[in-house]
């Protein structure tokens, strides 16, 4: 079963900053960056969080989370959005009942 979650982003400075933020904002987790011709896929097992302040630090400028939504062509998992972070996660289901 695939339990990888995270954003799929068009190439550019925001994709680079999100890659950096994913590594910083998820300490101890293995973050996978799959690079393709026109997009990158940022993935982690079960949960991946990226924070606005970490993305701002990587970009060297102010950043609004709406900018991330504009360059995100897709994502894996479920998503929780905020003005200060974006969280990708899997909701585990109990299939025994």
PDB file of N, CA and C in Angstrom:
ATOM      1  N   UNK A   1       0.840  -1.186   0.000  1.00  0.00           N
ATOM      2  CA  UNK A   1       0.000   0.000   0.000  1.00  0.00           C
ATOM      3  C   UNK A   1       0.884   1.250   0.000  1.00  0.00           C
ATOM      4  N   UNK A   2       0.553   2.211  -0.846  1.00  0.00           N
ATOM      5  CA  UNK A   2       1.305   3.453  -0.949  1.00  0.00           C
ATOM      6  C   UNK A   2       0.857   4.407   0.152  1.00  0.00           C
ATOM      7  N   UNK A   3       1.778   4.831   1.003  1.00  0.00           N
ATOM      8  CA  UNK A   3       1.436   5.768   2.072  1.00  0.00           C
ATOM      9  C   UNK A   3       2.218   7.073   1.940  1.00  0.00           C
ATOM     10  N   UNK A   4       2.617   7.416   0.711  1.00  0.00           N
ATOM     11  CA  UNK A   4       3.355   8.655   0.473  1.00  0.00           C
ATOM     12  C   UNK A   4       2.383   9.796   0.200  1.00  0.00           C
ATOM     13  N   UNK A   5       2.657  10.942   0.824  1.00  0.00           N
ATOM     14  CA  UNK A   5       1.818  12.128   0.660  1.00  0.00           C
ATOM     15  C   UNK A   5       2.696  13.333   0.374  1.00  0.00           C
ATOM     16  N   UNK A   6       2.110  14.358  -0.253  1.00  0.00           N
ATOM     17  CA  UNK A   6       2.831  15.592  -0.504  1.00  0.00           C
ATOM     18  C   UNK A   6       2.394  16.263  -1.783  1.00  0.00           C
ATOM     19  N   UNK A   7       2.937  17.455  -2.038  1.00  0.00           N
ATOM     20  CA  UNK A   7       2.528  18.228  -3.208  1.00  0.00           C
ATOM     21  C   UNK A   7       3.273  17.845  -4.485  1.00  0.00           C
ATOM     22  N   UNK A   8       2.633  18.133  -5.607  1.00  0.00           N
ATOM     23  CA  UNK A   8       3.242  18.062  -6.936  1.00  0.00           C
ATOM     24  C   UNK A   8       3.258  19.500  -7.445  1.00  0.00           C
ATOM     25  N   UNK A   9       4.458  20.005  -7.754  1.00  0.00           N
ATOM     26  CA  UNK A   9       4.634  21.429  -8.067  1.00  0.00           C
ATOM     27  C   UNK A   9       5.298  21.644  -9.419  1.00  0.00           C
ATOM     28  N   UNK A  10       4.872  22.713 -10.116  1.00  0.00           N
ATOM     29  CA  UNK A  10       5.579  23.117 -11.334  1.00  0.00           C
ATOM     30  C   UNK A  10       6.958  23.626 -10.942  1.00  0.00           C
ATOM     31  N   UNK A  11       7.952  23.376 -11.808  1.00  0.00           N
ATOM     32  CA  UNK A  11       9.316  23.833 -11.559  1.00  0.00           C
ATOM     33  C   UNK A  11       9.345  25.334 -11.298  1.00  0.00           C
ATOM     34  N   UNK A  12      10.252  25.764 -10.464  1.00  0.00           N
ATOM     35  CA  UNK A  12      10.443  27.187 -10.197  1.00  0.00           C
ATOM     36  C   UNK A  12      10.944  27.428  -8.793  1.00  0.00           C
ATOM     37  N   UNK A  13      11.066  28.693  -8.443  1.00  0.00           N
ATOM     38  CA  UNK A  13      11.622  29.048  -7.143  1.00  0.00           C
ATOM     39  C   UNK A  13      10.764  28.561  -5.986  1.00  0.00           C
ATOM     40  N   UNK A  14       9.454  28.541  -6.156  1.00  0.00           N
ATOM     41  CA  UNK A  14       8.589  28.074  -5.075  1.00  0.00           C
ATOM     42  C   UNK A  14       8.760  26.573  -4.868  1.00  0.00           C
ATOM     43  N   UNK A  15       8.863  25.814  -5.952  1.00  0.00           N
ATOM     44  CA  UNK A  15       9.096  24.369  -5.841  1.00  0.00           C
ATOM     45  C   UNK A  15      10.414  24.102  -5.112  1.00  0.00           C
ATOM     46  N   UNK A  16      11.443  24.861  -5.448  1.00  0.00           N
ATOM     47  CA  UNK A  16      12.730  24.706  -4.759  1.00  0.00           C
ATOM     48  C   UNK A  16      12.594  25.017  -3.273  1.00  0.00           C
ATOM     49  N   UNK A  17      11.874  26.104  -2.953  1.00  0.00           N
ATOM     50  CA  UNK A  17      11.702  26.503  -1.555  1.00  0.00           C
ATOM     51  C   UNK A  17      10.872  25.480  -0.776  1.00  0.00           C
ATOM     52  N   UNK A  18       9.856  24.913  -1.413  1.00  0.00           N
ATOM     53  CA  UNK A  18       9.032  23.897  -0.748  1.00  0.00           C
ATOM     54  C   UNK A  18       9.853  22.637  -0.486  1.00  0.00           C
ATOM     55  N   UNK A  19      10.733  22.289  -1.398  1.00  0.00           N
ATOM     56  CA  UNK A  19      11.615  21.137  -1.191  1.00  0.00           C
ATOM     57  C   UNK A  19      12.486  21.342   0.046  1.00  0.00           C
ATOM     58  N   UNK A  20      13.040  22.528   0.181  1.00  0.00           N
ATOM     59  CA  UNK A  20      13.864  22.865   1.349  1.00  0.00           C
ATOM     60  C   UNK A  20      13.009  22.845   2.618  1.00  0.00           C
ATOM     61  N   UNK A  21      11.839  23.466   2.543  1.00  0.00           N
ATOM     62  CA  UNK A  21      10.947  23.539   3.711  1.00  0.00           C
ATOM     63  C   UNK A  21      10.490  22.151   4.155  1.00  0.00           C
ATOM     64  N   UNK A  22      10.194  21.283   3.207  1.00  0.00           N
ATOM     65  CA  UNK A  22       9.745  19.932   3.563  1.00  0.00           C
ATOM     66  C   UNK A  22      10.813  19.214   4.388  1.00  0.00           C
ATOM     67  N   UNK A  23      12.058  19.387   4.013  1.00  0.00           N
ATOM     68  CA  UNK A  23      13.142  18.745   4.774  1.00  0.00           C
ATOM     69  C   UNK A  23      13.285  19.356   6.167  1.00  0.00           C
ATOM     70  N   UNK A  24      13.172  20.683   6.247  1.00  0.00           N
ATOM     71  CA  UNK A  24      13.321  21.368   7.537  1.00  0.00           C
ATOM     72  C   UNK A  24      12.128  21.157   8.461  1.00  0.00           C
ATOM     73  N   UNK A  25      10.926  21.167   7.892  1.00  0.00           N
ATOM     74  CA  UNK A  25       9.704  21.133   8.692  1.00  0.00           C
ATOM     75  C   UNK A  25       9.263  19.727   9.100  1.00  0.00           C
ATOM     76  N   UNK A  26       9.971  18.722   8.624  1.00  0.00           N
ATOM     77  CA  UNK A  26       9.639  17.333   8.958  1.00  0.00           C
ATOM     78  C   UNK A  26      10.885  16.613   9.469  1.00  0.00           C
ATOM     79  N   UNK A  27      11.432  17.067  10.596  1.00  0.00           N
ATOM     80  CA  UNK A  27      12.678  16.477  11.097  1.00  0.00           C
ATOM     81  C   UNK A  27      12.530  14.985  11.380  1.00  0.00           C
ATOM     82  N   UNK A  28      13.561  14.234  11.017  1.00  0.00           N
ATOM     83  CA  UNK A  28      13.559  12.806  11.251  1.00  0.00           C
ATOM     84  C   UNK A  28      12.800  11.997  10.219  1.00  0.00           C
ATOM     85  N   UNK A  29      12.116  12.675   9.296  1.00  0.00           N
ATOM     86  CA  UNK A  29      11.372  11.969   8.247  1.00  0.00           C
ATOM     87  C   UNK A  29      12.190  11.914   6.971  1.00  0.00           C
ATOM     88  N   UNK A  30      12.001  10.852   6.224  1.00  0.00           N
ATOM     89  CA  UNK A  30      12.640  10.731   4.912  1.00  0.00           C
ATOM     90  C   UNK A  30      11.766  11.461   3.897  1.00  0.00           C
ATOM     91  N   UNK A  31      12.312  12.514   3.305  1.00  0.00           N
ATOM     92  CA  UNK A  31      11.612  13.293   2.281  1.00  0.00           C
ATOM     93  C   UNK A  31      12.181  12.897   0.929  1.00  0.00           C
ATOM     94  N   UNK A  32      11.308  12.537   0.012  1.00  0.00           N
ATOM     95  CA  UNK A  32      11.715  12.153  -1.334  1.00  0.00           C
ATOM     96  C   UNK A  32      11.326  13.264  -2.297  1.00  0.00           C
ATOM     97  N   UNK A  33      12.273  13.667  -3.138  1.00  0.00           N
ATOM     98  CA  UNK A  33      11.996  14.669  -4.173  1.00  0.00           C
ATOM     99  C   UNK A  33      12.176  13.971  -5.519  1.00  0.00           C
ATOM    100  N   UNK A  34      11.074  13.775  -6.232  1.00  0.00           N
ATOM    101  CA  UNK A  34      11.127  13.166  -7.561  1.00  0.00           C
ATOM    102  C   UNK A  34      11.075  14.283  -8.596  1.00  0.00           C
ATOM    103  N   UNK A  35      12.143  14.420  -9.366  1.00  0.00           N
ATOM    104  CA  UNK A  35      12.225  15.474 -10.376  1.00  0.00           C
ATOM    105  C   UNK A  35      11.831  14.926 -11.736  1.00  0.00           C
ATOM    106  N   UNK A  36      10.942  15.634 -12.405  1.00  0.00           N
ATOM    107  CA  UNK A  36      10.489  15.278 -13.744  1.00  0.00           C
ATOM    108  C   UNK A  36      10.718  16.474 -14.662  1.00  0.00           C
ATOM    109  N   UNK A  37      10.406  16.321 -15.932  1.00  0.00           N
ATOM    110  CA  UNK A  37      10.692  17.380 -16.910  1.00  0.00           C
ATOM    111  C   UNK A  37      10.049  18.722 -16.551  1.00  0.00           C
ATOM    112  N   UNK A  38       8.804  18.722 -16.136  1.00  0.00           N
ATOM    113  CA  UNK A  38       8.120  19.989 -15.891  1.00  0.00           C
ATOM    114  C   UNK A  38       7.589  20.145 -14.472  1.00  0.00           C
ATOM    115  N   UNK A  39       7.813  19.167 -13.624  1.00  0.00           N
ATOM    116  CA  UNK A  39       7.296  19.261 -12.262  1.00  0.00           C
ATOM    117  C   UNK A  39       8.173  18.455 -11.297  1.00  0.00           C
ATOM    118  N   UNK A  40       7.965  18.718 -10.006  1.00  0.00           N
ATOM    119  CA  UNK A  40       8.611  17.912  -8.972  1.00  0.00           C
ATOM    120  C   UNK A  40       7.535  17.397  -8.018  1.00  0.00           C
ATOM    121  N   UNK A  41       7.791  16.245  -7.464  1.00  0.00           N
ATOM    122  CA  UNK A  41       6.889  15.637  -6.488  1.00  0.00           C
ATOM    123  C   UNK A  41       7.660  15.555  -5.165  1.00  0.00           C
ATOM    124  N   UNK A  42       7.110  16.172  -4.127  1.00  0.00           N
ATOM    125  CA  UNK A  42       7.693  16.149  -2.783  1.00  0.00           C
ATOM    126  C   UNK A  42       6.863  15.166  -1.966  1.00  0.00           C
ATOM    127  N   UNK A  43       7.524  14.152  -1.379  1.00  0.00           N
ATOM    128  CA  UNK A  43       6.776  13.112  -0.683  1.00  0.00           C
ATOM    129  C   UNK A  43       7.400  12.730   0.650  1.00  0.00           C
ATOM    130  N   UNK A  44       6.522  12.335   1.565  1.00  0.00           N
ATOM    131  CA  UNK A  44       6.927  11.767   2.850  1.00  0.00           C
ATOM    132  C   UNK A  44       5.904  10.704   3.218  1.00  0.00           C
ATOM    133  N   UNK A  45       6.273   9.824   4.111  1.00  0.00           N
ATOM    134  CA  UNK A  45       5.336   8.791   4.552  1.00  0.00           C
ATOM    135  C   UNK A  45       4.331   9.366   5.542  1.00  0.00           C
ATOM    136  N   UNK A  46       3.056   9.125   5.282  1.00  0.00           N
ATOM    137  CA  UNK A  46       1.926   9.433   6.158  1.00  0.00           C
ATOM    138  C   UNK A  46       1.616  10.910   6.378  1.00  0.00           C
ATOM    139  N   UNK A  47       2.630  11.776   6.503  1.00  0.00           N
ATOM    140  CA  UNK A  47       2.377  13.192   6.756  1.00  0.00           C
ATOM    141  C   UNK A  47       3.556  14.028   6.269  1.00  0.00           C
ATOM    142  N   UNK A  48       3.228  15.171   5.665  1.00  0.00           N
ATOM    143  CA  UNK A  48       4.248  16.121   5.215  1.00  0.00           C
ATOM    144  C   UNK A  48       3.709  17.527   5.462  1.00  0.00           C
ATOM    145  N   UNK A  49       4.458  18.311   6.215  1.00  0.00           N
ATOM    146  CA  UNK A  49       4.058  19.683   6.542  1.00  0.00           C
ATOM    147  C   UNK A  49       5.070  20.645   5.943  1.00  0.00           C
ATOM    148  N   UNK A  50       4.577  21.739   5.366  1.00  0.00           N
ATOM    149  CA  UNK A  50       5.457  22.843   4.950  1.00  0.00           C
ATOM    150  C   UNK A  50       4.899  24.127   5.564  1.00  0.00           C
ATOM    151  N   UNK A  51       5.783  24.898   6.169  1.00  0.00           N
ATOM    152  CA  UNK A  51       5.379  26.117   6.878  1.00  0.00           C
ATOM    153  C   UNK A  51       5.770  27.368   6.086  1.00  0.00           C
ATOM    154  N   UNK A  52       4.890  28.364   6.170  1.00  0.00           N
ATOM    155  CA  UNK A  52       5.102  29.623   5.456  1.00  0.00           C
ATOM    156  C   UNK A  52       6.438  30.254   5.833  1.00  0.00           C
ATOM    157  N   UNK A  53       6.748  30.311   7.117  1.00  0.00           N
ATOM    158  CA  UNK A  53       7.990  30.976   7.549  1.00  0.00           C
ATOM    159  C   UNK A  53       9.236  30.262   7.009  1.00  0.00           C
ATOM    160  N   UNK A  54       9.180  28.941   6.867  1.00  0.00           N
ATOM    161  CA  UNK A  54      10.319  28.193   6.329  1.00  0.00           C
ATOM    162  C   UNK A  54      10.460  28.443   4.828  1.00  0.00           C
ATOM    163  N   UNK A  55       9.336  28.514   4.141  1.00  0.00           N
ATOM    164  CA  UNK A  55       9.360  28.825   2.704  1.00  0.00           C
ATOM    165  C   UNK A  55       9.881  30.246   2.496  1.00  0.00           C
ATOM    166  N   UNK A  56       9.435  31.197   3.331  1.00  0.00           N
ATOM    167  CA  UNK A  56       9.930  32.579   3.247  1.00  0.00           C
ATOM    168  C   UNK A  56      11.443  32.633   3.422  1.00  0.00           C
ATOM    169  N   UNK A  57      11.936  31.883   4.383  1.00  0.00           N
ATOM    170  CA  UNK A  57      13.378  31.859   4.630  1.00  0.00           C
ATOM    171  C   UNK A  57      14.125  31.332   3.405  1.00  0.00           C
ATOM    172  N   UNK A  58      13.603  30.273   2.792  1.00  0.00           N
ATOM    173  CA  UNK A  58      14.246  29.687   1.611  1.00  0.00           C
ATOM    174  C   UNK A  58      14.179  30.631   0.406  1.00  0.00           C
ATOM    175  N   UNK A  59      13.067  31.369   0.279  1.00  0.00           N
ATOM    176  CA  UNK A  59      12.906  32.298  -0.845  1.00  0.00           C
ATOM    177  C   UNK A  59      13.651  33.613  -0.619  1.00  0.00           C
ATOM    178  N   UNK A  60      13.809  33.989   0.642  1.00  0.00           N
ATOM    179  CA  UNK A  60      14.418  35.277   0.962  1.00  0.00           C
ATOM    180  C   UNK A  60      13.471  36.440   0.735  1.00  0.00           C
ATOM    181  N   UNK A  61      12.173  36.150   0.851  1.00  0.00           N
ATOM    182  CA  UNK A  61      11.155  37.203   0.654  1.00  0.00           C
ATOM    183  C   UNK A  61       9.856  36.781   1.339  1.00  0.00           C
ATOM    184  N   UNK A  62       8.939  37.736   1.536  1.00  0.00           N
ATOM    185  CA  UNK A  62       7.632  37.374   2.093  1.00  0.00           C
ATOM    186  C   UNK A  62       6.903  36.402   1.157  1.00  0.00           C
ATOM    187  N   UNK A  63       6.074  35.557   1.743  1.00  0.00           N
ATOM    188  CA  UNK A  63       5.383  34.523   0.975  1.00  0.00           C
ATOM    189  C   UNK A  63       3.994  34.318   1.552  1.00  0.00           C
ATOM    190  N   UNK A  64       3.022  34.158   0.695  1.00  0.00           N
ATOM    191  CA  UNK A  64       1.659  33.832   1.090  1.00  0.00           C
ATOM    192  C   UNK A  64       1.362  32.401   0.649  1.00  0.00           C
ATOM    193  N   UNK A  65       0.715  31.624   1.481  1.00  0.00           N
ATOM    194  CA  UNK A  65       0.438  30.226   1.155  1.00  0.00           C
ATOM    195  C   UNK A  65      -0.392  30.078  -0.119  1.00  0.00           C
ATOM    196  N   UNK A  66      -1.133  31.108  -0.500  1.00  0.00           N
ATOM    197  CA  UNK A  66      -1.892  31.073  -1.755  1.00  0.00           C
ATOM    198  C   UNK A  66      -0.968  30.901  -2.956  1.00  0.00           C
ATOM    199  N   UNK A  67       0.252  31.397  -2.854  1.00  0.00           N
ATOM    200  CA  UNK A  67       1.225  31.224  -3.943  1.00  0.00           C
ATOM    201  C   UNK A  67       1.526  29.747  -4.163  1.00  0.00           C
ATOM    202  N   UNK A  68       1.571  29.000  -3.071  1.00  0.00           N
ATOM    203  CA  UNK A  68       1.821  27.568  -3.171  1.00  0.00           C
ATOM    204  C   UNK A  68       0.662  26.885  -3.901  1.00  0.00           C
ATOM    205  N   UNK A  69      -0.549  27.286  -3.581  1.00  0.00           N
ATOM    206  CA  UNK A  69      -1.719  26.717  -4.247  1.00  0.00           C
ATOM    207  C   UNK A  69      -1.670  26.958  -5.755  1.00  0.00           C
ATOM    208  N   UNK A  70      -1.158  28.107  -6.170  1.00  0.00           N
ATOM    209  CA  UNK A  70      -1.109  28.448  -7.592  1.00  0.00           C
ATOM    210  C   UNK A  70      -0.110  27.607  -8.378  1.00  0.00           C
ATOM    211  N   UNK A  71       0.977  27.194  -7.745  1.00  0.00           N
ATOM    212  CA  UNK A  71       1.971  26.402  -8.487  1.00  0.00           C
ATOM    213  C   UNK A  71       1.858  24.903  -8.210  1.00  0.00           C
ATOM    214  N   UNK A  72       0.877  24.521  -7.392  1.00  0.00           N
ATOM    215  CA  UNK A  72       0.673  23.109  -7.072  1.00  0.00           C
ATOM    216  C   UNK A  72      -0.347  22.529  -8.059  1.00  0.00           C
ATOM    217  N   UNK A  73       0.124  21.625  -8.911  1.00  0.00           N
ATOM    218  CA  UNK A  73      -0.782  21.045  -9.909  1.00  0.00           C
ATOM    219  C   UNK A  73      -1.560  19.855  -9.360  1.00  0.00           C
ATOM    220  N   UNK A  74      -1.066  19.255  -8.304  1.00  0.00           N
ATOM    221  CA  UNK A  74      -1.725  18.102  -7.712  1.00  0.00           C
ATOM    222  C   UNK A  74      -1.113  17.847  -6.341  1.00  0.00           C
ATOM    223  N   UNK A  75      -1.641  16.847  -5.648  1.00  0.00           N
ATOM    224  CA  UNK A  75      -1.061  16.419  -4.386  1.00  0.00           C
ATOM    225  C   UNK A  75      -1.525  15.000  -4.092  1.00  0.00           C
ATOM    226  N   UNK A  76      -0.790  14.332  -3.219  1.00  0.00           N
ATOM    227  CA  UNK A  76      -1.157  12.985  -2.780  1.00  0.00           C
ATOM    228  C   UNK A  76      -1.578  13.055  -1.324  1.00  0.00           C
ATOM    229  N   UNK A  77      -2.634  12.337  -0.981  1.00  0.00           N
ATOM    230  CA  UNK A  77      -3.142  12.334   0.378  1.00  0.00           C
ATOM    231  C   UNK A  77      -4.274  13.322   0.546  1.00  0.00           C
ATOM    232  N   UNK A  78      -4.579  13.618   1.789  1.00  0.00           N
ATOM    233  CA  UNK A  78      -5.554  14.652   2.111  1.00  0.00           C
ATOM    234  C   UNK A  78      -4.780  15.915   2.429  1.00  0.00           C
ATOM    235  N   UNK A  79      -5.479  17.052   2.423  1.00  0.00           N
ATOM    236  CA  UNK A  79      -4.785  18.315   2.623  1.00  0.00           C
ATOM    237  C   UNK A  79      -5.497  19.166   3.672  1.00  0.00           C
ATOM    238  N   UNK A  80      -4.691  19.822   4.486  1.00  0.00           N
ATOM    239  CA  UNK A  80      -5.180  20.802   5.455  1.00  0.00           C
ATOM    240  C   UNK A  80      -4.431  22.092   5.154  1.00  0.00           C
ATOM    241  N   UNK A  81      -5.162  23.181   4.947  1.00  0.00           N
ATOM    242  CA  UNK A  81      -4.514  24.442   4.601  1.00  0.00           C
ATOM    243  C   UNK A  81      -4.746  25.479   5.692  1.00  0.00           C
ATOM    244  N   UNK A  82      -3.810  26.393   5.764  1.00  0.00           N
ATOM    245  CA  UNK A  82      -3.834  27.476   6.738  1.00  0.00           C
ATOM    246  C   UNK A  82      -3.035  28.629   6.138  1.00  0.00           C
ATOM    247  N   UNK A  83      -3.098  29.787   6.744  1.00  0.00           N
ATOM    248  CA  UNK A  83      -2.265  30.902   6.284  1.00  0.00           C
ATOM    249  C   UNK A  83      -0.810  30.720   6.701  1.00  0.00           C
ATOM    250  N   UNK A  84      -0.548  29.768   7.618  1.00  0.00           N
ATOM    251  CA  UNK A  84       0.821  29.587   8.093  1.00  0.00           C
ATOM    252  C   UNK A  84       1.443  28.230   7.740  1.00  0.00           C
ATOM    253  N   UNK A  85       0.648  27.295   7.221  1.00  0.00           N
ATOM    254  CA  UNK A  85       1.206  25.989   6.846  1.00  0.00           C
ATOM    255  C   UNK A  85       0.274  25.275   5.874  1.00  0.00           C
ATOM    256  N   UNK A  86       0.811  24.223   5.266  1.00  0.00           N
ATOM    257  CA  UNK A  86       0.023  23.290   4.484  1.00  0.00           C
ATOM    258  C   UNK A  86       0.439  21.897   4.939  1.00  0.00           C
ATOM    259  N   UNK A  87      -0.548  21.066   5.220  1.00  0.00           N
ATOM    260  CA  UNK A  87      -0.298  19.713   5.737  1.00  0.00           C
ATOM    261  C   UNK A  87      -0.933  18.693   4.797  1.00  0.00           C
ATOM    262  N   UNK A  88      -0.130  17.723   4.385  1.00  0.00           N
ATOM    263  CA  UNK A  88      -0.594  16.607   3.568  1.00  0.00           C
ATOM    264  C   UNK A  88      -0.531  15.380   4.466  1.00  0.00           C
ATOM    265  N   UNK A  89      -1.585  14.581   4.487  1.00  0.00           N
ATOM    266  CA  UNK A  89      -1.616  13.463   5.430  1.00  0.00           C
ATOM    267  C   UNK A  89      -2.533  12.359   4.925  1.00  0.00           C
ATOM    268  N   UNK A  90      -2.407  11.203   5.564  1.00  0.00           N
ATOM    269  CA  UNK A  90      -3.298  10.075   5.306  1.00  0.00           C
ATOM    270  C   UNK A  90      -4.176   9.866   6.520  1.00  0.00           C
ATOM    271  N   UNK A  91      -5.437   9.738   6.290  1.00  0.00           N
ATOM    272  CA  UNK A  91      -6.372   9.370   7.349  1.00  0.00           C
ATOM    273  C   UNK A  91      -6.453   7.866   7.357  1.00  0.00           C
ATOM    274  N   UNK A  92      -5.976   7.257   8.402  1.00  0.00           N
ATOM    275  CA  UNK A  92      -6.007   5.796   8.492  1.00  0.00           C
ATOM    276  C   UNK A  92      -7.430   5.334   8.781  1.00  0.00           C
ATOM    277  N   UNK A  93      -7.861   4.344   8.034  1.00  0.00           N
ATOM    278  CA  UNK A  93      -9.208   3.797   8.225  1.00  0.00           C
ATOM    279  C   UNK A  93      -9.121   2.467   8.948  1.00  0.00           C
ATOM    280  N   UNK A  94     -10.083   2.240   9.792  1.00  0.00           N
ATOM    281  CA  UNK A  94     -10.183   0.952  10.463  1.00  0.00           C
ATOM    282  C   UNK A  94     -11.100   0.077   9.618  1.00  0.00           C
ATOM    283  N   UNK A  95     -10.538  -0.894   8.912  1.00  0.00           N
ATOM    284  CA  UNK A  95     -11.318  -1.740   8.018  1.00  0.00           C
ATOM    285  C   UNK A  95     -11.791  -3.020   8.691  1.00  0.00           C
ATOM    286  N   UNK A  96     -11.533  -3.179   9.981  1.00  0.00           N
ATOM    287  CA  UNK A  96     -11.902  -4.413  10.655  1.00  0.00           C
ATOM    288  C   UNK A  96     -13.366  -4.444  11.068  1.00  0.00           C
ATOM    289  N   UNK A  97     -14.059  -3.309  11.059  1.00  0.00           N
ATOM    290  CA  UNK A  97     -15.464  -3.314  11.480  1.00  0.00           C
ATOM    291  C   UNK A  97     -16.421  -3.462  10.336  1.00  0.00           C
TER     292      UNK A  97
END
